Amino acid sequence: MGANMGKNSSLLDALPSAQGTLHVVMLGLDSAGKTTALYRLKFDQYLNTVPTIGFNCEKIKGTVGKAKGINFLVWDVGGQEKLRPLWKSYTRCTDGIVFVLDSVDVERMEEAKMELIRTAKSPDNSGVPILVLANKQDLPGAREPKELEKLLGLHELGGNAHGSKEGGTHCWHVQPACAITGDGLHEGMEALYDMIQKRRKLAKINKKKIR
């Protein structure tokens, strides 16, 4: 089912977009905790999950800060290697990307970096804000956000959420989190919402300059 929909070039257009609903795609390597994070955000409880073949899709509502009351339509896409070519079908026309990272799995950090940079540098995703959910922060050996920024090469993408640059560069933010307990998840969505709003304001300013 997911694979078939993944071939649809206008996947996100297939759903009626409710007024004010932001489209967000949740990516990351298999076993990073994407689906656990999605359902913790949706139901505020831990659900035991199975590997995602295809995608899960849920509407969630922001609960903290600037994102309080904001609706997000979140697509959680399977992270197994054979499914990753489908990611680009889900990221078209998206407002934001959530990249879920296993903060403990240093052996696969280079693989995670490769997939994140590839996604970010796709022409379809130019300038789309990226929230890196540094998951599994409750486990021994979890790397801290500052170290993860370096390991993932995030500075190659441009300025971060507090110092974004104009042009085709990305605004990004690393949020420490634990999908099982929910720690950091809603704070991450607030950071993503803030980046989306900044990008929209910048686009309006640039349009005025062109005129």
N, C-alpha and C. Protein backbone atom coordinates (compact mmCIF):
# COMPACT_ATOMS: atom_id res chain seq x y z
N MET A 1 0.83 -1.21 0.00
CA MET A 1 0.00 0.00 0.00
C MET A 1 0.86 1.25 0.00
N GLY A 2 1.82 1.30 0.95
CA GLY A 2 2.69 2.45 1.02
C GLY A 2 3.52 2.61 -0.23
N ALA A 3 4.02 1.46 -0.78
CA ALA A 3 4.87 1.53 -1.96
C ALA A 3 4.10 2.08 -3.14
N ASN A 4 2.85 1.68 -3.31
CA ASN A 4 2.05 2.15 -4.42
C ASN A 4 1.80 3.65 -4.31
N MET A 5 1.49 4.11 -3.11
CA MET A 5 1.24 5.53 -2.93
C MET A 5 2.53 6.32 -3.07
N GLY A 6 3.64 5.67 -2.74
CA GLY A 6 4.92 6.35 -2.84
C GLY A 6 5.25 6.74 -4.27
N LYS A 7 4.68 6.02 -5.25
CA LYS A 7 4.94 6.31 -6.66
C LYS A 7 4.13 7.50 -7.15
N ASN A 8 3.16 7.91 -6.39
CA ASN A 8 2.31 9.03 -6.78
C ASN A 8 3.09 10.32 -6.67
N SER A 9 3.25 11.02 -7.81
CA SER A 9 4.08 12.23 -7.81
C SER A 9 3.43 13.38 -7.05
N SER A 10 2.14 13.30 -6.83
CA SER A 10 1.48 14.37 -6.08
C SER A 10 0.79 13.79 -4.86
N LEU A 11 1.55 13.03 -4.10
CA LEU A 11 1.01 12.30 -2.96
C LEU A 11 0.30 13.21 -1.98
N LEU A 12 0.96 14.32 -1.61
CA LEU A 12 0.38 15.20 -0.61
C LEU A 12 -0.83 15.95 -1.14
N ASP A 13 -0.92 16.08 -2.48
CA ASP A 13 -2.08 16.76 -3.05
C ASP A 13 -3.32 15.89 -2.99
N ALA A 14 -3.12 14.60 -2.75
CA ALA A 14 -4.24 13.66 -2.76
C ALA A 14 -5.16 13.87 -1.56
N LEU A 15 -4.62 14.46 -0.50
CA LEU A 15 -5.44 14.70 0.69
C LEU A 15 -5.96 16.13 0.70
N PRO A 16 -7.22 16.31 1.07
CA PRO A 16 -7.72 17.67 1.21
C PRO A 16 -6.99 18.37 2.35
N SER A 17 -6.38 19.50 2.07
CA SER A 17 -5.59 20.20 3.09
C SER A 17 -6.51 21.10 3.91
N ALA A 18 -6.70 20.73 5.17
CA ALA A 18 -7.53 21.55 6.05
C ALA A 18 -6.85 22.90 6.26
N GLN A 19 -7.66 23.92 6.41
CA GLN A 19 -7.12 25.27 6.60
C GLN A 19 -6.17 25.29 7.80
N GLY A 20 -4.95 25.74 7.53
CA GLY A 20 -4.00 25.89 8.62
C GLY A 20 -3.25 24.62 8.99
N THR A 21 -3.54 23.50 8.35
CA THR A 21 -2.84 22.26 8.67
C THR A 21 -1.48 22.23 7.98
N LEU A 22 -0.44 21.94 8.73
CA LEU A 22 0.91 21.88 8.18
C LEU A 22 1.27 20.44 7.85
N HIS A 23 1.83 20.23 6.69
CA HIS A 23 2.26 18.89 6.28
C HIS A 23 3.70 18.66 6.71
N VAL A 24 3.92 17.57 7.44
CA VAL A 24 5.25 17.25 7.96
C VAL A 24 5.57 15.80 7.64
N VAL A 25 6.80 15.55 7.20
CA VAL A 25 7.23 14.18 6.90
C VAL A 25 8.28 13.76 7.92
N MET A 26 8.08 12.58 8.50
CA MET A 26 8.98 12.05 9.52
C MET A 26 9.84 10.94 8.90
N LEU A 27 11.15 11.20 8.83
CA LEU A 27 12.08 10.27 8.21
C LEU A 27 13.14 9.83 9.22
N GLY A 28 13.99 8.90 8.80
CA GLY A 28 15.07 8.41 9.66
C GLY A 28 15.33 6.95 9.37
N LEU A 29 16.47 6.45 9.83
CA LEU A 29 16.80 5.05 9.63
C LEU A 29 15.81 4.16 10.36
N ASP A 30 15.72 2.90 9.92
CA ASP A 30 14.89 1.92 10.61
C ASP A 30 15.33 1.79 12.07
N SER A 31 14.38 1.62 12.95
CA SER A 31 14.59 1.45 14.39
C SER A 31 15.02 2.73 15.12
N ALA A 32 14.91 3.87 14.45
CA ALA A 32 15.27 5.13 15.11
C ALA A 32 14.20 5.56 16.11
N GLY A 33 12.96 5.10 15.90
CA GLY A 33 11.88 5.45 16.82
C GLY A 33 10.82 6.36 16.22
N LYS A 34 10.72 6.40 14.89
CA LYS A 34 9.78 7.31 14.22
C LYS A 34 8.33 7.02 14.61
N THR A 35 7.93 5.77 14.47
CA THR A 35 6.54 5.42 14.73
C THR A 35 6.18 5.58 16.20
N THR A 36 7.12 5.23 17.07
CA THR A 36 6.91 5.42 18.51
C THR A 36 6.69 6.90 18.81
N ALA A 37 7.50 7.76 18.18
CA ALA A 37 7.36 9.21 18.38
C ALA A 37 6.01 9.70 17.86
N LEU A 38 5.62 9.21 16.68
CA LEU A 38 4.34 9.63 16.09
C LEU A 38 3.17 9.34 17.02
N TYR A 39 3.10 8.11 17.53
CA TYR A 39 1.95 7.73 18.34
C TYR A 39 2.02 8.26 19.77
N ARG A 40 3.23 8.58 20.22
CA ARG A 40 3.33 9.27 21.50
C ARG A 40 2.76 10.69 21.34
N LEU A 41 3.07 11.34 20.22
CA LEU A 41 2.53 12.67 19.94
C LEU A 41 1.01 12.63 19.77
N LYS A 42 0.54 11.58 19.11
CA LYS A 42 -0.89 11.47 18.80
C LYS A 42 -1.73 11.14 20.04
N PHE A 43 -1.32 10.12 20.78
CA PHE A 43 -2.15 9.60 21.87
C PHE A 43 -1.61 9.89 23.27
N ASP A 44 -0.41 10.48 23.32
CA ASP A 44 0.25 10.75 24.60
C ASP A 44 0.41 9.48 25.43
N GLN A 45 0.72 8.39 24.76
CA GLN A 45 1.03 7.15 25.47
C GLN A 45 1.97 6.30 24.62
N TYR A 46 2.64 5.36 25.25
CA TYR A 46 3.58 4.49 24.54
C TYR A 46 2.83 3.33 23.91
N LEU A 47 3.05 3.16 22.62
CA LEU A 47 2.47 2.01 21.91
C LEU A 47 3.60 1.17 21.37
N ASN A 48 3.51 -0.13 21.57
CA ASN A 48 4.50 -1.05 21.00
C ASN A 48 4.30 -1.09 19.49
N THR A 49 5.34 -0.88 18.72
CA THR A 49 5.19 -0.78 17.26
C THR A 49 5.97 -1.88 16.54
N VAL A 50 5.64 -2.05 15.27
CA VAL A 50 6.36 -2.99 14.40
C VAL A 50 7.02 -2.17 13.29
N PRO A 51 8.04 -2.72 12.62
CA PRO A 51 8.68 -1.97 11.53
C PRO A 51 7.66 -1.52 10.49
N THR A 52 7.79 -0.27 10.07
CA THR A 52 6.83 0.31 9.13
C THR A 52 7.19 -0.08 7.70
N ILE A 53 6.25 -0.73 7.03
CA ILE A 53 6.38 -1.01 5.60
C ILE A 53 5.39 -0.10 4.91
N GLY A 54 5.91 0.94 4.24
CA GLY A 54 5.02 1.95 3.68
C GLY A 54 5.04 3.16 4.58
N PHE A 55 3.88 3.52 5.15
CA PHE A 55 3.83 4.73 5.97
C PHE A 55 2.70 4.65 6.97
N ASN A 56 2.79 5.51 7.98
CA ASN A 56 1.69 5.80 8.89
C ASN A 56 1.39 7.29 8.74
N CYS A 57 0.15 7.68 8.91
CA CYS A 57 -0.21 9.08 8.79
C CYS A 57 -1.21 9.45 9.88
N GLU A 58 -0.90 10.48 10.64
CA GLU A 58 -1.78 10.92 11.72
C GLU A 58 -1.81 12.44 11.79
N LYS A 59 -2.96 12.98 12.17
CA LYS A 59 -3.03 14.42 12.43
C LYS A 59 -2.79 14.61 13.93
N ILE A 60 -1.85 15.46 14.25
CA ILE A 60 -1.56 15.75 15.66
C ILE A 60 -1.70 17.25 15.91
N LYS A 61 -1.87 17.59 17.16
CA LYS A 61 -2.06 19.00 17.51
C LYS A 61 -0.93 19.44 18.44
N GLY A 62 -0.34 20.58 18.14
CA GLY A 62 0.69 21.13 19.00
C GLY A 62 0.13 21.48 20.37
N THR A 63 0.94 21.30 21.41
CA THR A 63 0.44 21.52 22.77
C THR A 63 1.24 22.55 23.56
N VAL A 64 2.39 22.97 23.04
CA VAL A 64 3.22 23.90 23.82
C VAL A 64 3.62 25.12 23.00
N GLY A 65 3.80 26.23 23.70
CA GLY A 65 4.36 27.44 23.10
C GLY A 65 3.62 27.93 21.88
N LYS A 66 4.39 28.39 20.89
CA LYS A 66 3.81 28.96 19.67
C LYS A 66 3.00 27.94 18.88
N ALA A 67 3.31 26.66 19.04
CA ALA A 67 2.64 25.62 18.26
C ALA A 67 1.34 25.13 18.91
N LYS A 68 0.99 25.69 20.05
CA LYS A 68 -0.21 25.24 20.76
C LYS A 68 -1.44 25.44 19.89
N GLY A 69 -2.18 24.34 19.66
CA GLY A 69 -3.40 24.40 18.86
C GLY A 69 -3.17 24.25 17.36
N ILE A 70 -1.91 24.24 16.93
CA ILE A 70 -1.61 24.10 15.50
C ILE A 70 -1.76 22.64 15.08
N ASN A 71 -2.39 22.42 13.92
CA ASN A 71 -2.56 21.06 13.39
C ASN A 71 -1.42 20.69 12.46
N PHE A 72 -0.86 19.52 12.69
CA PHE A 72 0.18 18.97 11.82
C PHE A 72 -0.33 17.65 11.24
N LEU A 73 -0.21 17.47 9.96
CA LEU A 73 -0.47 16.17 9.34
C LEU A 73 0.89 15.51 9.15
N VAL A 74 1.16 14.46 9.93
CA VAL A 74 2.50 13.87 9.98
C VAL A 74 2.52 12.53 9.26
N TRP A 75 3.40 12.44 8.27
CA TRP A 75 3.62 11.19 7.53
C TRP A 75 4.88 10.54 8.08
N ASP A 76 4.73 9.35 8.65
CA ASP A 76 5.85 8.58 9.20
C ASP A 76 6.18 7.50 8.17
N VAL A 77 7.33 7.64 7.51
CA VAL A 77 7.67 6.78 6.38
C VAL A 77 8.71 5.74 6.78
N GLY A 78 8.53 4.51 6.32
CA GLY A 78 9.43 3.41 6.65
C GLY A 78 10.88 3.75 6.37
N GLY A 79 11.77 3.32 7.27
CA GLY A 79 13.18 3.69 7.16
C GLY A 79 14.11 2.59 6.72
N GLN A 80 13.56 1.40 6.39
CA GLN A 80 14.43 0.34 5.91
C GLN A 80 15.08 0.76 4.59
N GLU A 81 16.28 0.27 4.35
CA GLU A 81 17.06 0.72 3.19
C GLU A 81 16.29 0.61 1.88
N LYS A 82 15.55 -0.48 1.71
CA LYS A 82 14.82 -0.68 0.45
C LYS A 82 13.67 0.31 0.27
N LEU A 83 13.23 0.95 1.37
CA LEU A 83 12.12 1.90 1.31
C LEU A 83 12.58 3.34 1.14
N ARG A 84 13.84 3.61 1.39
CA ARG A 84 14.31 5.00 1.40
C ARG A 84 14.19 5.72 0.06
N PRO A 85 14.30 5.02 -1.08
CA PRO A 85 14.07 5.72 -2.36
C PRO A 85 12.68 6.34 -2.46
N LEU A 86 11.74 5.85 -1.66
CA LEU A 86 10.38 6.39 -1.70
C LEU A 86 10.25 7.71 -0.93
N TRP A 87 11.24 8.02 -0.09
CA TRP A 87 11.13 9.23 0.74
C TRP A 87 10.82 10.46 -0.09
N LYS A 88 11.47 10.58 -1.26
CA LYS A 88 11.32 11.80 -2.05
C LYS A 88 9.89 12.02 -2.52
N SER A 89 9.11 10.92 -2.62
CA SER A 89 7.71 11.07 -3.00
C SER A 89 6.88 11.69 -1.89
N TYR A 90 7.32 11.50 -0.66
CA TYR A 90 6.58 12.02 0.49
C TYR A 90 7.00 13.45 0.85
N THR A 91 8.22 13.84 0.48
CA THR A 91 8.71 15.15 0.90
C THR A 91 8.32 16.26 -0.08
N ARG A 92 7.76 15.92 -1.23
CA ARG A 92 7.33 16.97 -2.16
C ARG A 92 6.27 17.84 -1.51
N CYS A 93 6.44 19.15 -1.60
CA CYS A 93 5.45 20.12 -1.11
C CYS A 93 5.23 20.04 0.40
N THR A 94 6.18 19.51 1.13
CA THR A 94 6.01 19.43 2.58
C THR A 94 6.44 20.74 3.24
N ASP A 95 5.84 21.04 4.40
CA ASP A 95 6.19 22.26 5.12
C ASP A 95 7.42 22.07 6.00
N GLY A 96 7.64 20.84 6.46
CA GLY A 96 8.77 20.59 7.34
C GLY A 96 9.15 19.13 7.35
N ILE A 97 10.40 18.84 7.70
CA ILE A 97 10.91 17.47 7.77
C ILE A 97 11.37 17.21 9.20
N VAL A 98 10.91 16.09 9.77
CA VAL A 98 11.41 15.63 11.07
C VAL A 98 12.30 14.42 10.80
N PHE A 99 13.57 14.53 11.14
CA PHE A 99 14.49 13.41 10.96
C PHE A 99 14.77 12.82 12.33
N VAL A 100 14.28 11.60 12.55
CA VAL A 100 14.42 10.95 13.86
C VAL A 100 15.74 10.17 13.88
N LEU A 101 16.52 10.42 14.91
CA LEU A 101 17.86 9.85 15.01
C LEU A 101 18.01 9.03 16.29
N ASP A 102 18.61 7.86 16.17
CA ASP A 102 18.98 7.07 17.34
C ASP A 102 20.29 7.66 17.88
N SER A 103 20.22 8.36 18.99
CA SER A 103 21.38 9.09 19.53
C SER A 103 22.46 8.17 20.08
N VAL A 104 22.14 6.88 20.23
CA VAL A 104 23.09 5.93 20.80
C VAL A 104 23.85 5.17 19.70
N ASP A 105 23.22 5.00 18.55
CA ASP A 105 23.74 4.13 17.50
C ASP A 105 24.83 4.82 16.67
N VAL A 106 26.01 4.94 17.28
CA VAL A 106 27.12 5.65 16.63
C VAL A 106 27.59 4.92 15.37
N GLU A 107 27.47 3.60 15.36
CA GLU A 107 27.93 2.81 14.21
C GLU A 107 27.17 3.18 12.93
N ARG A 108 25.93 3.64 13.08
CA ARG A 108 25.13 3.98 11.90
C ARG A 108 24.99 5.49 11.71
N MET A 109 25.76 6.26 12.45
CA MET A 109 25.64 7.71 12.37
C MET A 109 26.02 8.23 10.98
N GLU A 110 27.04 7.64 10.38
CA GLU A 110 27.46 8.06 9.04
C GLU A 110 26.36 7.75 8.01
N GLU A 111 25.70 6.61 8.19
CA GLU A 111 24.59 6.23 7.31
C GLU A 111 23.43 7.23 7.47
N ALA A 112 23.14 7.59 8.74
CA ALA A 112 22.08 8.56 9.00
C ALA A 112 22.43 9.91 8.37
N LYS A 113 23.70 10.32 8.51
CA LYS A 113 24.14 11.58 7.93
C LYS A 113 23.95 11.57 6.42
N MET A 114 24.34 10.48 5.78
CA MET A 114 24.23 10.38 4.32
C MET A 114 22.78 10.54 3.86
N GLU A 115 21.86 9.88 4.56
CA GLU A 115 20.45 9.94 4.17
C GLU A 115 19.86 11.33 4.45
N LEU A 116 20.25 11.93 5.56
CA LEU A 116 19.75 13.26 5.90
C LEU A 116 20.24 14.30 4.89
N ILE A 117 21.53 14.29 4.59
CA ILE A 117 22.10 15.26 3.64
C ILE A 117 21.50 15.06 2.25
N ARG A 118 21.33 13.80 1.85
CA ARG A 118 20.73 13.52 0.54
C ARG A 118 19.32 14.08 0.45
N THR A 119 18.55 13.90 1.51
CA THR A 119 17.18 14.41 1.53
C THR A 119 17.17 15.93 1.51
N ALA A 120 18.02 16.53 2.34
CA ALA A 120 18.06 17.99 2.44
C ALA A 120 18.49 18.64 1.14
N LYS A 121 19.40 18.00 0.43
CA LYS A 121 19.95 18.61 -0.79
C LYS A 121 19.15 18.28 -2.05
N SER A 122 18.07 17.52 -1.90
CA SER A 122 17.18 17.29 -3.04
C SER A 122 16.55 18.61 -3.45
N PRO A 123 16.54 18.94 -4.75
CA PRO A 123 15.97 20.21 -5.21
C PRO A 123 14.53 20.42 -4.73
N ASP A 124 13.76 19.35 -4.61
CA ASP A 124 12.37 19.46 -4.15
C ASP A 124 12.27 19.96 -2.71
N ASN A 125 13.33 19.76 -1.93
CA ASN A 125 13.30 20.10 -0.51
C ASN A 125 14.08 21.37 -0.17
N SER A 126 14.41 22.14 -1.19
CA SER A 126 15.24 23.32 -0.98
C SER A 126 14.62 24.26 0.06
N GLY A 127 15.38 24.51 1.12
CA GLY A 127 14.94 25.46 2.14
C GLY A 127 13.93 24.95 3.14
N VAL A 128 13.50 23.69 3.00
CA VAL A 128 12.49 23.16 3.93
C VAL A 128 13.13 23.00 5.32
N PRO A 129 12.49 23.53 6.38
CA PRO A 129 13.05 23.42 7.72
C PRO A 129 13.18 21.96 8.17
N ILE A 130 14.25 21.67 8.91
CA ILE A 130 14.52 20.30 9.36
C ILE A 130 14.65 20.27 10.88
N LEU A 131 13.80 19.45 11.50
CA LEU A 131 13.92 19.18 12.92
C LEU A 131 14.59 17.81 13.08
N VAL A 132 15.74 17.78 13.74
CA VAL A 132 16.38 16.51 14.06
C VAL A 132 15.95 16.13 15.47
N LEU A 133 15.18 15.05 15.59
CA LEU A 133 14.78 14.54 16.90
C LEU A 133 15.86 13.59 17.38
N ALA A 134 16.66 14.04 18.32
CA ALA A 134 17.74 13.20 18.86
C ALA A 134 17.13 12.25 19.88
N ASN A 135 16.62 11.14 19.38
CA ASN A 135 15.85 10.19 20.20
C ASN A 135 16.75 9.31 21.08
N LYS A 136 16.12 8.67 22.04
CA LYS A 136 16.76 7.71 22.96
C LYS A 136 17.78 8.38 23.89
N GLN A 137 17.48 9.63 24.25
CA GLN A 137 18.37 10.36 25.15
C GLN A 137 18.37 9.78 26.57
N ASP A 138 17.41 8.89 26.84
CA ASP A 138 17.34 8.27 28.17
C ASP A 138 18.33 7.12 28.33
N LEU A 139 18.95 6.70 27.22
CA LEU A 139 19.84 5.54 27.27
C LEU A 139 21.29 5.94 27.50
N PRO A 140 22.06 5.07 28.19
CA PRO A 140 23.49 5.34 28.38
C PRO A 140 24.20 5.43 27.03
N GLY A 141 25.10 6.38 26.90
CA GLY A 141 25.85 6.52 25.65
C GLY A 141 25.20 7.41 24.62
N ALA A 142 24.04 7.97 24.96
CA ALA A 142 23.38 8.88 24.02
C ALA A 142 24.23 10.12 23.81
N ARG A 143 24.45 10.49 22.55
CA ARG A 143 25.25 11.66 22.23
C ARG A 143 24.43 12.94 22.43
N GLU A 144 25.10 13.99 22.86
CA GLU A 144 24.43 15.26 23.10
C GLU A 144 24.22 16.01 21.78
N PRO A 145 23.23 16.93 21.76
CA PRO A 145 22.91 17.66 20.52
C PRO A 145 24.11 18.30 19.83
N LYS A 146 25.00 18.96 20.59
CA LYS A 146 26.15 19.63 19.97
C LYS A 146 27.03 18.65 19.21
N GLU A 147 27.23 17.46 19.80
CA GLU A 147 28.06 16.45 19.13
C GLU A 147 27.33 15.91 17.90
N LEU A 148 26.03 15.74 18.00
CA LEU A 148 25.24 15.24 16.88
C LEU A 148 25.25 16.21 15.71
N GLU A 149 25.25 17.51 16.01
CA GLU A 149 25.33 18.51 14.94
C GLU A 149 26.58 18.28 14.09
N LYS A 150 27.69 17.99 14.76
CA LYS A 150 28.95 17.75 14.05
C LYS A 150 28.92 16.43 13.31
N LEU A 151 28.44 15.37 13.99
CA LEU A 151 28.42 14.03 13.38
C LEU A 151 27.54 13.99 12.14
N LEU A 152 26.47 14.78 12.13
CA LEU A 152 25.54 14.79 11.00
C LEU A 152 25.89 15.83 9.94
N GLY A 153 26.90 16.65 10.22
CA GLY A 153 27.30 17.67 9.24
C GLY A 153 26.23 18.71 9.00
N LEU A 154 25.47 19.05 10.05
CA LEU A 154 24.33 19.95 9.86
C LEU A 154 24.76 21.35 9.41
N HIS A 155 25.95 21.77 9.79
CA HIS A 155 26.38 23.11 9.41
C HIS A 155 26.61 23.23 7.90
N GLU A 156 26.70 22.09 7.21
CA GLU A 156 26.79 22.11 5.75
C GLU A 156 25.49 22.60 5.13
N LEU A 157 24.40 22.51 5.89
CA LEU A 157 23.08 22.86 5.35
C LEU A 157 22.75 24.33 5.50
N GLY A 158 23.58 25.08 6.24
CA GLY A 158 23.30 26.49 6.43
C GLY A 158 23.15 26.81 7.90
N GLY A 159 22.44 27.90 8.18
CA GLY A 159 22.28 28.35 9.56
C GLY A 159 21.30 27.49 10.32
N ASN A 160 21.44 27.47 11.65
CA ASN A 160 20.47 26.72 12.47
C ASN A 160 19.27 27.59 12.79
N ALA A 161 18.39 27.10 13.65
CA ALA A 161 17.14 27.79 13.93
C ALA A 161 17.35 29.20 14.49
N HIS A 162 18.51 29.41 15.13
CA HIS A 162 18.75 30.70 15.77
C HIS A 162 19.59 31.63 14.90
N GLY A 163 20.05 31.11 13.76
CA GLY A 163 20.87 31.96 12.91
C GLY A 163 20.80 31.52 11.47
N SER A 164 19.59 31.37 10.95
CA SER A 164 19.40 30.87 9.59
C SER A 164 19.89 31.90 8.57
N LYS A 165 20.34 31.38 7.44
CA LYS A 165 20.83 32.25 6.38
C LYS A 165 19.79 32.31 5.27
N GLU A 166 19.85 33.39 4.49
CA GLU A 166 18.93 33.50 3.36
C GLU A 166 19.42 32.62 2.23
N GLY A 167 18.55 32.48 1.20
CA GLY A 167 18.91 31.67 0.05
C GLY A 167 18.37 30.26 0.17
N GLY A 168 19.07 29.30 -0.44
CA GLY A 168 18.58 27.93 -0.50
C GLY A 168 18.98 27.09 0.70
N THR A 169 19.58 27.71 1.71
CA THR A 169 20.03 26.94 2.85
C THR A 169 18.87 26.59 3.77
N HIS A 170 19.11 25.60 4.61
CA HIS A 170 18.07 25.11 5.50
C HIS A 170 18.17 25.71 6.89
N CYS A 171 17.00 25.85 7.50
CA CYS A 171 16.92 26.18 8.91
C CYS A 171 16.76 24.83 9.63
N TRP A 172 17.54 24.60 10.68
CA TRP A 172 17.46 23.30 11.35
C TRP A 172 17.58 23.47 12.85
N HIS A 173 17.14 22.44 13.56
CA HIS A 173 17.19 22.45 15.02
C HIS A 173 17.34 21.02 15.51
N VAL A 174 18.22 20.81 16.47
CA VAL A 174 18.37 19.48 17.08
C VAL A 174 17.66 19.49 18.43
N GLN A 175 16.70 18.58 18.59
CA GLN A 175 15.92 18.51 19.82
C GLN A 175 16.17 17.18 20.53
N PRO A 176 16.78 17.20 21.72
CA PRO A 176 16.92 15.95 22.47
C PRO A 176 15.55 15.43 22.87
N ALA A 177 15.35 14.13 22.75
CA ALA A 177 14.01 13.57 23.00
C ALA A 177 14.07 12.12 23.43
N CYS A 178 12.94 11.67 23.96
CA CYS A 178 12.74 10.26 24.26
C CYS A 178 11.32 9.91 23.82
N ALA A 179 11.20 9.16 22.74
CA ALA A 179 9.89 8.86 22.18
C ALA A 179 9.04 8.02 23.12
N ILE A 180 9.67 7.18 23.91
CA ILE A 180 8.91 6.30 24.81
C ILE A 180 8.20 7.10 25.90
N THR A 181 8.89 8.08 26.47
CA THR A 181 8.28 8.89 27.53
C THR A 181 7.60 10.14 26.99
N GLY A 182 7.99 10.54 25.78
CA GLY A 182 7.45 11.76 25.18
C GLY A 182 8.27 12.99 25.46
N ASP A 183 9.32 12.86 26.26
CA ASP A 183 10.16 14.02 26.59
C ASP A 183 10.73 14.67 25.32
N GLY A 184 10.53 15.97 25.19
CA GLY A 184 11.13 16.72 24.09
C GLY A 184 10.34 16.72 22.78
N LEU A 185 9.35 15.85 22.64
CA LEU A 185 8.66 15.73 21.35
C LEU A 185 7.87 17.00 21.00
N HIS A 186 7.04 17.46 21.93
CA HIS A 186 6.23 18.64 21.63
C HIS A 186 7.09 19.90 21.54
N GLU A 187 8.17 19.95 22.33
CA GLU A 187 9.11 21.07 22.21
C GLU A 187 9.74 21.08 20.82
N GLY A 188 10.01 19.89 20.30
CA GLY A 188 10.55 19.78 18.95
C GLY A 188 9.57 20.29 17.90
N MET A 189 8.29 19.94 18.06
CA MET A 189 7.28 20.40 17.11
C MET A 189 7.11 21.91 17.18
N GLU A 190 7.28 22.47 18.37
CA GLU A 190 7.21 23.94 18.48
C GLU A 190 8.38 24.57 17.72
N ALA A 191 9.57 23.99 17.87
CA ALA A 191 10.75 24.51 17.15
C ALA A 191 10.55 24.42 15.65
N LEU A 192 9.95 23.31 15.19
CA LEU A 192 9.70 23.14 13.76
C LEU A 192 8.69 24.18 13.27
N TYR A 193 7.63 24.38 14.04
CA TYR A 193 6.62 25.37 13.67
C TYR A 193 7.24 26.76 13.57
N ASP A 194 8.10 27.09 14.52
CA ASP A 194 8.76 28.40 14.52
C ASP A 194 9.62 28.57 13.26
N MET A 195 10.32 27.50 12.87
CA MET A 195 11.15 27.56 11.66
C MET A 195 10.30 27.72 10.41
N ILE A 196 9.16 27.02 10.37
CA ILE A 196 8.25 27.13 9.22
C ILE A 196 7.73 28.56 9.08
N GLN A 197 7.36 29.17 10.21
CA GLN A 197 6.87 30.55 10.20
C GLN A 197 7.95 31.52 9.73
N LYS A 198 9.19 31.31 10.19
CA LYS A 198 10.30 32.18 9.78
C LYS A 198 10.54 32.07 8.28
N ARG A 199 10.44 30.86 7.76
CA ARG A 199 10.66 30.65 6.33
C ARG A 199 9.58 31.37 5.51
N ARG A 200 8.33 31.30 5.98
CA ARG A 200 7.23 31.96 5.27
C ARG A 200 7.39 33.48 5.27
N LYS A 201 7.81 34.02 6.40
CA LYS A 201 8.02 35.47 6.50
C LYS A 201 9.13 35.91 5.55
N LEU A 202 10.20 35.11 5.49
CA LEU A 202 11.32 35.41 4.61
C LEU A 202 10.88 35.38 3.15
N ALA A 203 10.03 34.41 2.81
CA ALA A 203 9.53 34.29 1.43
C ALA A 203 8.71 35.52 1.05
N LYS A 204 7.91 36.03 1.99
CA LYS A 204 7.10 37.22 1.73
C LYS A 204 7.99 38.44 1.51
N ILE A 205 9.04 38.56 2.34
CA ILE A 205 9.97 39.68 2.20
C ILE A 205 10.66 39.64 0.85
N ASN A 206 11.10 38.45 0.45
CA ASN A 206 11.79 38.30 -0.83
C ASN A 206 10.87 38.62 -2.01
N LYS A 207 9.57 38.26 -1.89
CA LYS A 207 8.61 38.57 -2.95
C LYS A 207 8.45 40.09 -3.11
N LYS A 208 8.41 40.78 -1.98
CA LYS A 208 8.27 42.23 -2.01
C LYS A 208 9.49 42.87 -2.67
N LYS A 209 10.68 42.31 -2.37
CA LYS A 209 11.92 42.83 -2.96
C LYS A 209 11.90 42.68 -4.48
N ILE A 210 11.40 41.51 -4.95
CA ILE A 210 11.35 41.24 -6.40
C ILE A 210 10.42 42.22 -7.09
N ARG A 211 9.29 42.52 -6.43
CA ARG A 211 8.34 43.47 -7.02
C ARG A 211 8.95 44.86 -7.10
